[in-house]
Every structure is written in C-alpha cells, then in structure tokens.
Amino acid sequence: MELLFIITALLCAIGGILGSVFPILPGPPLSFFALIILNFSSFAAFSFTFLLITGAIAAILTVLDYILPSWIVNRFGGSKKGVLGSMIGLIVGSILLPIMGIIIGPFIGAFIGELIAQHDAWVALKAAFMTFVGFLISTGLKLGYTITIAYYIAKALMGQPATPDYPII
C-alpha cells in the first residue's frame, strides 16, 4: 500500500508540473493532492499548518489562473479571442515544436485571435504581447508552486524532515 501512495503522489506531482504549462491539467491542485496522498504514507508527516498554507496557495493560484490573464488582457485593450487564441496556440505550438512551441505558440495564437477581433495589426500585436505576458506570469507562478511542492515531496521520500517548522496556528 505504501508503494501505491508513493507512485500516485509522484505521478500527481509530475502531472502538477506539466499542468502548470499545459492548460489541460490543473497543475497546483494536482501537486497539492500529491502532498495529501503522500501524507497518508509513512514517508511523510506534513504538518497541518503546512498543508493548510499549501492548500490555500493552490486555491489562490487556481483562481488567479483564470482571472490574471483576462485582467491583463482587458487592462491593455485585448479581447477574449486573444486569450482563446493564446490557449489554442499553446496546444498547437507544443505539438508542433515541443519546447519552443510552448513559448511561441501562445503569442502567435493571441496575435491571430486579436487580429480576428480587432482587424488592426498594431493593436493586435500590442494586445497579443500583453496576453503573452499574462500567460507567462500565470505559468511562472504555477511552475514555482509545483516545483516547490515536488521539492518537499522529494525531501520527504529521502527521509529528511519534510516541512519547515511553522508556529502552531
């Protein structure tokens, strides 16, 4: 049973990291779920405070993932078609060019989406750039969180104290 917990937690942690980049998987919730699963094994005993804080961060990042790109796009004159184009560009770009496509695809997709919506290349380019910046910020926050969670999981599996000492709340 321990092995099942470990394998499931590792798969969820890997899925969390991948989900930070690909919009198909929910990255931060998967990583947090990996912590919860590993907590049931004898390898890790995460404190309640640590689980509470990491769970709250996962929830905040999940909400921000939906709000932040739209807010940035609306703030700088973009449209929903630009956001949609950015997501489609990410998927197509990651299929055609696995590493560079993740970076180039959202920008090209946002540009095409904004061009369809606004019919002005300069405005579309500016809005596409801001859509791309929103995507990068959101992805960076999620990647930072999921990699940190993977670090704590790896630390627990190596037999080191899994969590920092927080004062009891």
N, C-alpha and C. Protein backbone atom coordinates (compact mmCIF):
# COMPACT_ATOMS: atom_id res chain seq x y z
N MET A 1 0.82 -1.19 0.00
CA MET A 1 0.00 0.00 0.00
C MET A 1 0.86 1.26 0.00
N GLU A 2 1.99 1.20 0.70
CA GLU A 2 2.90 2.34 0.74
C GLU A 2 3.39 2.68 -0.67
N LEU A 3 3.74 1.65 -1.42
CA LEU A 3 4.23 1.86 -2.77
C LEU A 3 3.17 2.52 -3.65
N LEU A 4 1.93 2.15 -3.46
CA LEU A 4 0.84 2.76 -4.22
C LEU A 4 0.72 4.25 -3.89
N PHE A 5 0.83 4.59 -2.61
CA PHE A 5 0.79 6.00 -2.21
C PHE A 5 1.93 6.78 -2.84
N ILE A 6 3.12 6.21 -2.82
CA ILE A 6 4.30 6.89 -3.35
C ILE A 6 4.18 7.09 -4.86
N ILE A 7 3.81 6.05 -5.57
CA ILE A 7 3.68 6.14 -7.03
C ILE A 7 2.60 7.14 -7.42
N THR A 8 1.48 7.09 -6.73
CA THR A 8 0.39 8.02 -7.04
C THR A 8 0.80 9.46 -6.75
N ALA A 9 1.49 9.67 -5.62
CA ALA A 9 1.94 11.01 -5.28
C ALA A 9 2.96 11.52 -6.30
N LEU A 10 3.87 10.67 -6.73
CA LEU A 10 4.86 11.09 -7.72
C LEU A 10 4.20 11.41 -9.06
N LEU A 11 3.24 10.60 -9.47
CA LEU A 11 2.52 10.87 -10.72
C LEU A 11 1.74 12.18 -10.64
N CYS A 12 1.13 12.44 -9.49
CA CYS A 12 0.39 13.69 -9.31
C CYS A 12 1.35 14.89 -9.31
N ALA A 13 2.52 14.73 -8.70
CA ALA A 13 3.49 15.82 -8.68
C ALA A 13 4.00 16.12 -10.09
N ILE A 14 4.29 15.08 -10.85
CA ILE A 14 4.73 15.27 -12.24
C ILE A 14 3.60 15.88 -13.07
N GLY A 15 2.39 15.37 -12.86
CA GLY A 15 1.23 15.94 -13.54
C GLY A 15 1.01 17.39 -13.17
N GLY A 16 1.30 17.74 -11.92
CA GLY A 16 1.16 19.12 -11.48
C GLY A 16 2.13 20.04 -12.19
N ILE A 17 3.37 19.58 -12.34
CA ILE A 17 4.37 20.39 -13.05
C ILE A 17 3.97 20.54 -14.52
N LEU A 18 3.56 19.45 -15.14
CA LEU A 18 3.12 19.52 -16.54
C LEU A 18 1.87 20.39 -16.68
N GLY A 19 0.97 20.29 -15.70
CA GLY A 19 -0.26 21.08 -15.72
C GLY A 19 -0.02 22.56 -15.52
N SER A 20 1.15 22.92 -15.03
CA SER A 20 1.48 24.34 -14.91
C SER A 20 1.73 24.96 -16.27
N VAL A 21 2.14 24.15 -17.22
CA VAL A 21 2.45 24.65 -18.55
C VAL A 21 1.30 24.37 -19.52
N PHE A 22 0.73 23.18 -19.45
CA PHE A 22 -0.35 22.80 -20.35
C PHE A 22 -1.69 23.07 -19.68
N PRO A 23 -2.60 23.79 -20.34
CA PRO A 23 -3.86 24.17 -19.70
C PRO A 23 -4.85 23.02 -19.52
N ILE A 24 -4.49 21.83 -19.97
CA ILE A 24 -5.41 20.70 -19.87
C ILE A 24 -5.47 20.16 -18.45
N LEU A 25 -4.34 20.19 -17.74
CA LEU A 25 -4.26 19.66 -16.37
C LEU A 25 -4.26 20.78 -15.35
N PRO A 26 -4.93 20.59 -14.22
CA PRO A 26 -4.88 21.61 -13.16
C PRO A 26 -3.61 21.43 -12.31
N GLY A 27 -2.56 22.16 -12.63
CA GLY A 27 -1.25 21.99 -12.00
C GLY A 27 -1.20 22.09 -10.49
N PRO A 28 -1.51 23.27 -9.90
CA PRO A 28 -1.41 23.40 -8.45
C PRO A 28 -2.31 22.44 -7.66
N PRO A 29 -3.57 22.22 -8.06
CA PRO A 29 -4.37 21.25 -7.30
C PRO A 29 -3.80 19.83 -7.36
N LEU A 30 -3.24 19.44 -8.51
CA LEU A 30 -2.63 18.11 -8.61
C LEU A 30 -1.43 17.99 -7.68
N SER A 31 -0.62 19.02 -7.63
CA SER A 31 0.55 18.99 -6.74
C SER A 31 0.12 18.94 -5.27
N PHE A 32 -0.90 19.71 -4.93
CA PHE A 32 -1.39 19.67 -3.55
C PHE A 32 -1.97 18.29 -3.22
N PHE A 33 -2.66 17.71 -4.18
CA PHE A 33 -3.20 16.36 -3.99
C PHE A 33 -2.07 15.36 -3.75
N ALA A 34 -0.92 15.56 -4.42
CA ALA A 34 0.24 14.70 -4.20
C ALA A 34 0.71 14.79 -2.75
N LEU A 35 0.70 15.98 -2.18
CA LEU A 35 1.07 16.14 -0.77
C LEU A 35 0.10 15.39 0.14
N ILE A 36 -1.17 15.51 -0.14
CA ILE A 36 -2.19 14.84 0.68
C ILE A 36 -2.00 13.32 0.61
N ILE A 37 -1.79 12.81 -0.59
CA ILE A 37 -1.61 11.36 -0.75
C ILE A 37 -0.36 10.89 -0.01
N LEU A 38 0.73 11.62 -0.17
CA LEU A 38 1.98 11.23 0.48
C LEU A 38 1.86 11.34 2.00
N ASN A 39 1.01 12.21 2.46
CA ASN A 39 0.81 12.36 3.91
C ASN A 39 0.20 11.10 4.52
N PHE A 40 -0.50 10.30 3.72
CA PHE A 40 -1.08 9.06 4.21
C PHE A 40 -0.06 7.93 4.30
N SER A 41 1.10 8.13 3.70
CA SER A 41 2.15 7.10 3.77
C SER A 41 2.99 7.32 5.02
N SER A 42 3.90 6.40 5.26
CA SER A 42 4.79 6.54 6.42
C SER A 42 6.02 7.36 6.08
N PHE A 43 6.15 7.79 4.82
CA PHE A 43 7.32 8.56 4.41
C PHE A 43 7.22 10.03 4.80
N ALA A 44 6.04 10.55 4.94
CA ALA A 44 5.89 11.97 5.21
C ALA A 44 4.82 12.21 6.25
N ALA A 45 5.09 13.17 7.08
CA ALA A 45 4.10 13.63 8.04
C ALA A 45 4.10 15.15 7.97
N PHE A 46 3.39 15.66 6.99
CA PHE A 46 3.32 17.10 6.81
C PHE A 46 2.44 17.69 7.91
N SER A 47 2.84 18.82 8.43
CA SER A 47 2.07 19.45 9.49
C SER A 47 0.76 19.99 8.92
N PHE A 48 -0.21 20.12 9.80
CA PHE A 48 -1.50 20.66 9.40
C PHE A 48 -1.34 22.08 8.86
N THR A 49 -0.49 22.86 9.51
CA THR A 49 -0.27 24.24 9.08
C THR A 49 0.34 24.28 7.67
N PHE A 50 1.31 23.41 7.42
CA PHE A 50 1.93 23.35 6.09
C PHE A 50 0.89 22.97 5.04
N LEU A 51 0.07 21.98 5.32
CA LEU A 51 -0.98 21.57 4.38
C LEU A 51 -2.00 22.68 4.17
N LEU A 52 -2.32 23.39 5.22
CA LEU A 52 -3.28 24.49 5.13
C LEU A 52 -2.73 25.61 4.25
N ILE A 53 -1.46 25.96 4.46
CA ILE A 53 -0.85 27.04 3.69
C ILE A 53 -0.69 26.63 2.21
N THR A 54 -0.19 25.43 1.97
CA THR A 54 -0.01 25.00 0.58
C THR A 54 -1.36 24.82 -0.12
N GLY A 55 -2.37 24.38 0.60
CA GLY A 55 -3.71 24.26 0.01
C GLY A 55 -4.30 25.62 -0.33
N ALA A 56 -4.10 26.58 0.56
CA ALA A 56 -4.58 27.94 0.28
C ALA A 56 -3.87 28.53 -0.93
N ILE A 57 -2.56 28.32 -1.03
CA ILE A 57 -1.82 28.83 -2.18
C ILE A 57 -2.30 28.16 -3.46
N ALA A 58 -2.54 26.85 -3.42
CA ALA A 58 -3.04 26.15 -4.61
C ALA A 58 -4.40 26.72 -5.03
N ALA A 59 -5.26 26.99 -4.07
CA ALA A 59 -6.58 27.55 -4.39
C ALA A 59 -6.44 28.95 -4.99
N ILE A 60 -5.59 29.77 -4.40
CA ILE A 60 -5.38 31.13 -4.90
C ILE A 60 -4.81 31.10 -6.32
N LEU A 61 -3.82 30.24 -6.55
CA LEU A 61 -3.22 30.14 -7.88
C LEU A 61 -4.22 29.65 -8.92
N THR A 62 -5.09 28.74 -8.51
CA THR A 62 -6.09 28.23 -9.44
C THR A 62 -7.06 29.34 -9.83
N VAL A 63 -7.48 30.14 -8.87
CA VAL A 63 -8.37 31.26 -9.17
C VAL A 63 -7.64 32.30 -10.01
N LEU A 64 -6.39 32.62 -9.63
CA LEU A 64 -5.61 33.60 -10.39
C LEU A 64 -5.36 33.15 -11.83
N ASP A 65 -5.26 31.85 -12.02
CA ASP A 65 -5.01 31.32 -13.36
C ASP A 65 -6.14 31.70 -14.31
N TYR A 66 -7.34 31.84 -13.81
CA TYR A 66 -8.47 32.22 -14.64
C TYR A 66 -8.65 33.74 -14.69
N ILE A 67 -8.28 34.42 -13.63
CA ILE A 67 -8.52 35.86 -13.56
C ILE A 67 -7.37 36.68 -14.14
N LEU A 68 -6.13 36.32 -13.83
CA LEU A 68 -4.97 37.14 -14.20
C LEU A 68 -4.83 37.37 -15.71
N PRO A 69 -4.85 36.33 -16.54
CA PRO A 69 -4.70 36.61 -17.98
C PRO A 69 -5.82 37.51 -18.53
N SER A 70 -7.04 37.28 -18.11
CA SER A 70 -8.16 38.10 -18.60
C SER A 70 -8.02 39.54 -18.11
N TRP A 71 -7.60 39.70 -16.87
CA TRP A 71 -7.44 41.05 -16.31
C TRP A 71 -6.36 41.81 -17.07
N ILE A 72 -5.24 41.16 -17.33
CA ILE A 72 -4.15 41.82 -18.07
C ILE A 72 -4.60 42.16 -19.49
N VAL A 73 -5.30 41.23 -20.13
CA VAL A 73 -5.77 41.47 -21.50
C VAL A 73 -6.75 42.64 -21.51
N ASN A 74 -7.71 42.67 -20.60
CA ASN A 74 -8.70 43.75 -20.56
C ASN A 74 -8.04 45.08 -20.21
N ARG A 75 -7.06 45.04 -19.36
CA ARG A 75 -6.36 46.25 -18.92
C ARG A 75 -5.61 46.91 -20.08
N PHE A 76 -5.13 46.11 -21.00
CA PHE A 76 -4.33 46.64 -22.10
C PHE A 76 -5.03 46.52 -23.45
N GLY A 77 -6.35 46.44 -23.44
CA GLY A 77 -7.12 46.54 -24.68
C GLY A 77 -7.28 45.26 -25.48
N GLY A 78 -7.04 44.13 -24.89
CA GLY A 78 -7.19 42.86 -25.61
C GLY A 78 -8.63 42.36 -25.56
N SER A 79 -8.84 41.22 -26.17
CA SER A 79 -10.17 40.64 -26.22
C SER A 79 -10.13 39.18 -25.77
N LYS A 80 -11.32 38.61 -25.61
CA LYS A 80 -11.41 37.19 -25.25
C LYS A 80 -10.89 36.30 -26.37
N LYS A 81 -11.00 36.76 -27.60
CA LYS A 81 -10.47 35.99 -28.72
C LYS A 81 -8.94 35.89 -28.64
N GLY A 82 -8.32 36.91 -28.10
CA GLY A 82 -6.87 36.86 -27.90
C GLY A 82 -6.48 35.82 -26.86
N VAL A 83 -7.24 35.76 -25.76
CA VAL A 83 -6.98 34.76 -24.73
C VAL A 83 -7.22 33.36 -25.28
N LEU A 84 -8.32 33.19 -26.00
CA LEU A 84 -8.62 31.89 -26.61
C LEU A 84 -7.54 31.50 -27.62
N GLY A 85 -7.11 32.45 -28.43
CA GLY A 85 -6.05 32.20 -29.39
C GLY A 85 -4.75 31.81 -28.70
N SER A 86 -4.49 32.42 -27.55
CA SER A 86 -3.29 32.09 -26.78
C SER A 86 -3.32 30.64 -26.30
N MET A 87 -4.47 30.20 -25.83
CA MET A 87 -4.59 28.81 -25.38
C MET A 87 -4.48 27.82 -26.54
N ILE A 88 -5.13 28.15 -27.65
CA ILE A 88 -5.04 27.28 -28.82
C ILE A 88 -3.60 27.26 -29.34
N GLY A 89 -2.95 28.42 -29.34
CA GLY A 89 -1.55 28.49 -29.77
C GLY A 89 -0.63 27.67 -28.89
N LEU A 90 -0.93 27.64 -27.59
CA LEU A 90 -0.13 26.82 -26.68
C LEU A 90 -0.24 25.34 -27.03
N ILE A 91 -1.46 24.88 -27.27
CA ILE A 91 -1.67 23.47 -27.58
C ILE A 91 -1.04 23.11 -28.93
N VAL A 92 -1.31 23.91 -29.95
CA VAL A 92 -0.76 23.63 -31.29
C VAL A 92 0.76 23.77 -31.27
N GLY A 93 1.25 24.82 -30.62
CA GLY A 93 2.69 25.03 -30.57
C GLY A 93 3.43 23.93 -29.84
N SER A 94 2.84 23.42 -28.76
CA SER A 94 3.51 22.35 -28.02
C SER A 94 3.49 21.03 -28.79
N ILE A 95 2.57 20.88 -29.70
CA ILE A 95 2.54 19.67 -30.53
C ILE A 95 3.55 19.79 -31.68
N LEU A 96 3.56 20.94 -32.33
CA LEU A 96 4.45 21.13 -33.49
C LEU A 96 5.91 21.32 -33.09
N LEU A 97 6.16 22.14 -32.09
CA LEU A 97 7.52 22.41 -31.60
C LEU A 97 7.52 22.23 -30.09
N PRO A 98 7.79 21.03 -29.60
CA PRO A 98 7.59 20.72 -28.18
C PRO A 98 8.15 21.73 -27.17
N ILE A 99 9.32 22.26 -27.34
CA ILE A 99 9.85 23.17 -26.32
C ILE A 99 9.58 24.63 -26.71
N MET A 100 9.98 25.04 -27.88
CA MET A 100 9.78 26.42 -28.31
C MET A 100 8.31 26.75 -28.55
N GLY A 101 7.53 25.75 -28.91
CA GLY A 101 6.12 25.97 -29.17
C GLY A 101 5.35 26.42 -27.95
N ILE A 102 5.82 26.03 -26.78
CA ILE A 102 5.16 26.44 -25.54
C ILE A 102 5.33 27.94 -25.33
N ILE A 103 6.42 28.50 -25.84
CA ILE A 103 6.68 29.93 -25.69
C ILE A 103 6.13 30.71 -26.88
N ILE A 104 6.38 30.23 -28.09
CA ILE A 104 5.97 30.96 -29.29
C ILE A 104 4.48 30.79 -29.59
N GLY A 105 3.94 29.60 -29.36
CA GLY A 105 2.55 29.30 -29.68
C GLY A 105 1.53 30.25 -29.07
N PRO A 106 1.60 30.52 -27.76
CA PRO A 106 0.61 31.44 -27.17
C PRO A 106 0.66 32.84 -27.77
N PHE A 107 1.87 33.33 -28.08
CA PHE A 107 1.98 34.66 -28.66
C PHE A 107 1.35 34.71 -30.05
N ILE A 108 1.69 33.73 -30.90
CA ILE A 108 1.14 33.70 -32.26
C ILE A 108 -0.38 33.50 -32.21
N GLY A 109 -0.83 32.60 -31.33
CA GLY A 109 -2.27 32.38 -31.20
C GLY A 109 -3.01 33.62 -30.72
N ALA A 110 -2.42 34.33 -29.76
CA ALA A 110 -3.04 35.56 -29.26
C ALA A 110 -3.07 36.62 -30.36
N PHE A 111 -1.99 36.72 -31.14
CA PHE A 111 -1.94 37.69 -32.22
C PHE A 111 -3.03 37.41 -33.26
N ILE A 112 -3.17 36.15 -33.65
CA ILE A 112 -4.20 35.79 -34.63
C ILE A 112 -5.60 36.05 -34.05
N GLY A 113 -5.80 35.69 -32.78
CA GLY A 113 -7.10 35.94 -32.15
C GLY A 113 -7.42 37.43 -32.08
N GLU A 114 -6.43 38.25 -31.73
CA GLU A 114 -6.64 39.69 -31.67
C GLU A 114 -6.82 40.29 -33.06
N LEU A 115 -6.13 39.75 -34.05
CA LEU A 115 -6.29 40.23 -35.41
C LEU A 115 -7.70 39.96 -35.92
N ILE A 116 -8.24 38.79 -35.57
CA ILE A 116 -9.61 38.46 -35.95
C ILE A 116 -10.59 39.40 -35.24
N ALA A 117 -10.32 39.69 -33.98
CA ALA A 117 -11.24 40.52 -33.19
C ALA A 117 -11.13 42.01 -33.53
N GLN A 118 -9.91 42.50 -33.80
CA GLN A 118 -9.72 43.95 -33.91
C GLN A 118 -9.40 44.44 -35.32
N HIS A 119 -8.94 43.58 -36.19
CA HIS A 119 -8.65 43.91 -37.59
C HIS A 119 -7.58 45.00 -37.76
N ASP A 120 -6.83 45.29 -36.73
CA ASP A 120 -5.74 46.26 -36.81
C ASP A 120 -4.48 45.57 -36.29
N ALA A 121 -3.48 45.44 -37.17
CA ALA A 121 -2.29 44.66 -36.83
C ALA A 121 -1.53 45.23 -35.63
N TRP A 122 -1.42 46.56 -35.55
CA TRP A 122 -0.65 47.15 -34.45
C TRP A 122 -1.35 46.94 -33.10
N VAL A 123 -2.64 47.15 -33.06
CA VAL A 123 -3.41 46.93 -31.83
C VAL A 123 -3.38 45.44 -31.46
N ALA A 124 -3.51 44.59 -32.47
CA ALA A 124 -3.47 43.14 -32.24
C ALA A 124 -2.11 42.72 -31.69
N LEU A 125 -1.04 43.31 -32.21
CA LEU A 125 0.30 42.97 -31.73
C LEU A 125 0.49 43.38 -30.28
N LYS A 126 0.04 44.58 -29.93
CA LYS A 126 0.15 45.05 -28.55
C LYS A 126 -0.67 44.18 -27.60
N ALA A 127 -1.91 43.88 -27.98
CA ALA A 127 -2.78 43.04 -27.14
C ALA A 127 -2.24 41.62 -27.05
N ALA A 128 -1.69 41.10 -28.16
CA ALA A 128 -1.11 39.76 -28.14
C ALA A 128 0.08 39.71 -27.20
N PHE A 129 0.90 40.75 -27.22
CA PHE A 129 2.06 40.79 -26.32
C PHE A 129 1.60 40.79 -24.87
N MET A 130 0.57 41.56 -24.54
CA MET A 130 0.09 41.60 -23.16
C MET A 130 -0.59 40.28 -22.77
N THR A 131 -1.27 39.64 -23.72
CA THR A 131 -1.84 38.32 -23.46
C THR A 131 -0.72 37.34 -23.15
N PHE A 132 0.35 37.42 -23.92
CA PHE A 132 1.51 36.56 -23.72
C PHE A 132 2.16 36.83 -22.36
N VAL A 133 2.27 38.09 -21.97
CA VAL A 133 2.83 38.44 -20.66
C VAL A 133 1.95 37.86 -19.54
N GLY A 134 0.65 37.97 -19.68
CA GLY A 134 -0.27 37.39 -18.69
C GLY A 134 -0.11 35.89 -18.59
N PHE A 135 0.05 35.24 -19.73
CA PHE A 135 0.27 33.80 -19.76
C PHE A 135 1.58 33.44 -19.05
N LEU A 136 2.64 34.19 -19.34
CA LEU A 136 3.94 33.92 -18.71
C LEU A 136 3.89 34.12 -17.19
N ILE A 137 3.25 35.16 -16.74
CA ILE A 137 3.15 35.40 -15.30
C ILE A 137 2.38 34.28 -14.63
N SER A 138 1.25 33.93 -15.19
CA SER A 138 0.42 32.86 -14.63
C SER A 138 1.18 31.53 -14.62
N THR A 139 1.84 31.21 -15.72
CA THR A 139 2.59 29.97 -15.82
C THR A 139 3.77 29.96 -14.86
N GLY A 140 4.46 31.08 -14.73
CA GLY A 140 5.59 31.18 -13.81
C GLY A 140 5.17 30.95 -12.36
N LEU A 141 4.06 31.55 -11.97
CA LEU A 141 3.57 31.36 -10.60
C LEU A 141 3.23 29.89 -10.34
N LYS A 142 2.54 29.28 -11.29
CA LYS A 142 2.16 27.87 -11.13
C LYS A 142 3.38 26.96 -11.12
N LEU A 143 4.33 27.22 -12.00
CA LEU A 143 5.55 26.40 -12.04
C LEU A 143 6.34 26.53 -10.74
N GLY A 144 6.44 27.74 -10.24
CA GLY A 144 7.15 27.94 -8.97
C GLY A 144 6.52 27.13 -7.85
N TYR A 145 5.21 27.16 -7.77
CA TYR A 145 4.50 26.42 -6.73
C TYR A 145 4.68 24.92 -6.90
N THR A 146 4.46 24.41 -8.10
CA THR A 146 4.50 22.96 -8.30
C THR A 146 5.92 22.40 -8.13
N ILE A 147 6.92 23.15 -8.54
CA ILE A 147 8.30 22.70 -8.34
C ILE A 147 8.65 22.71 -6.86
N THR A 148 8.17 23.70 -6.13
CA THR A 148 8.39 23.74 -4.68
C THR A 148 7.74 22.54 -4.00
N ILE A 149 6.54 22.21 -4.40
CA ILE A 149 5.85 21.05 -3.83
C ILE A 149 6.62 19.77 -4.17
N ALA A 150 7.10 19.67 -5.40
CA ALA A 150 7.90 18.50 -5.80
C ALA A 150 9.17 18.40 -4.95
N TYR A 151 9.75 19.53 -4.61
CA TYR A 151 10.93 19.55 -3.74
C TYR A 151 10.59 18.97 -2.37
N TYR A 152 9.48 19.38 -1.78
CA TYR A 152 9.09 18.87 -0.47
C TYR A 152 8.75 17.38 -0.52
N ILE A 153 8.18 16.95 -1.63
CA ILE A 153 7.88 15.52 -1.79
C ILE A 153 9.18 14.72 -1.89
N ALA A 154 10.11 15.20 -2.70
CA ALA A 154 11.40 14.51 -2.84
C ALA A 154 12.15 14.49 -1.51
N LYS A 155 12.09 15.57 -0.79
CA LYS A 155 12.74 15.66 0.52
C LYS A 155 12.15 14.64 1.49
N ALA A 156 10.84 14.50 1.47
CA ALA A 156 10.17 13.54 2.35
C ALA A 156 10.53 12.11 1.98
N LEU A 157 10.61 11.84 0.68
CA LEU A 157 10.94 10.49 0.23
C LEU A 157 12.39 10.11 0.51
N MET A 158 13.25 11.11 0.68
CA MET A 158 14.65 10.84 1.01
C MET A 158 14.87 10.73 2.52
N GLY A 159 13.81 10.83 3.28
CA GLY A 159 13.90 10.64 4.72
C GLY A 159 14.28 11.87 5.51
N GLN A 160 14.33 13.03 4.87
CA GLN A 160 14.64 14.27 5.57
C GLN A 160 13.35 14.87 6.11
N PRO A 161 13.44 15.76 7.10
CA PRO A 161 12.21 16.42 7.58
C PRO A 161 11.52 17.11 6.41
N ALA A 162 10.25 16.80 6.26
CA ALA A 162 9.54 17.20 5.05
C ALA A 162 9.16 18.67 5.02
N THR A 163 8.81 19.25 6.14
CA THR A 163 8.30 20.61 6.11
C THR A 163 9.07 21.49 7.06
N PRO A 164 9.07 22.78 6.78
CA PRO A 164 9.69 23.71 7.71
C PRO A 164 8.86 23.81 8.99
N ASP A 165 9.46 24.26 10.04
CA ASP A 165 8.74 24.41 11.31
C ASP A 165 8.00 25.73 11.30
N TYR A 166 6.68 25.63 11.34
CA TYR A 166 5.83 26.79 11.43
C TYR A 166 5.27 26.86 12.85
N PRO A 167 5.04 28.04 13.34
CA PRO A 167 4.37 28.13 14.64
C PRO A 167 2.96 27.55 14.52
N ILE A 168 2.48 26.96 15.55
CA ILE A 168 1.14 26.35 15.53
C ILE A 168 0.09 27.45 15.49
N ILE A 169 -0.81 27.30 14.56
CA ILE A 169 -1.89 28.30 14.42
C ILE A 169 -3.07 27.84 15.23
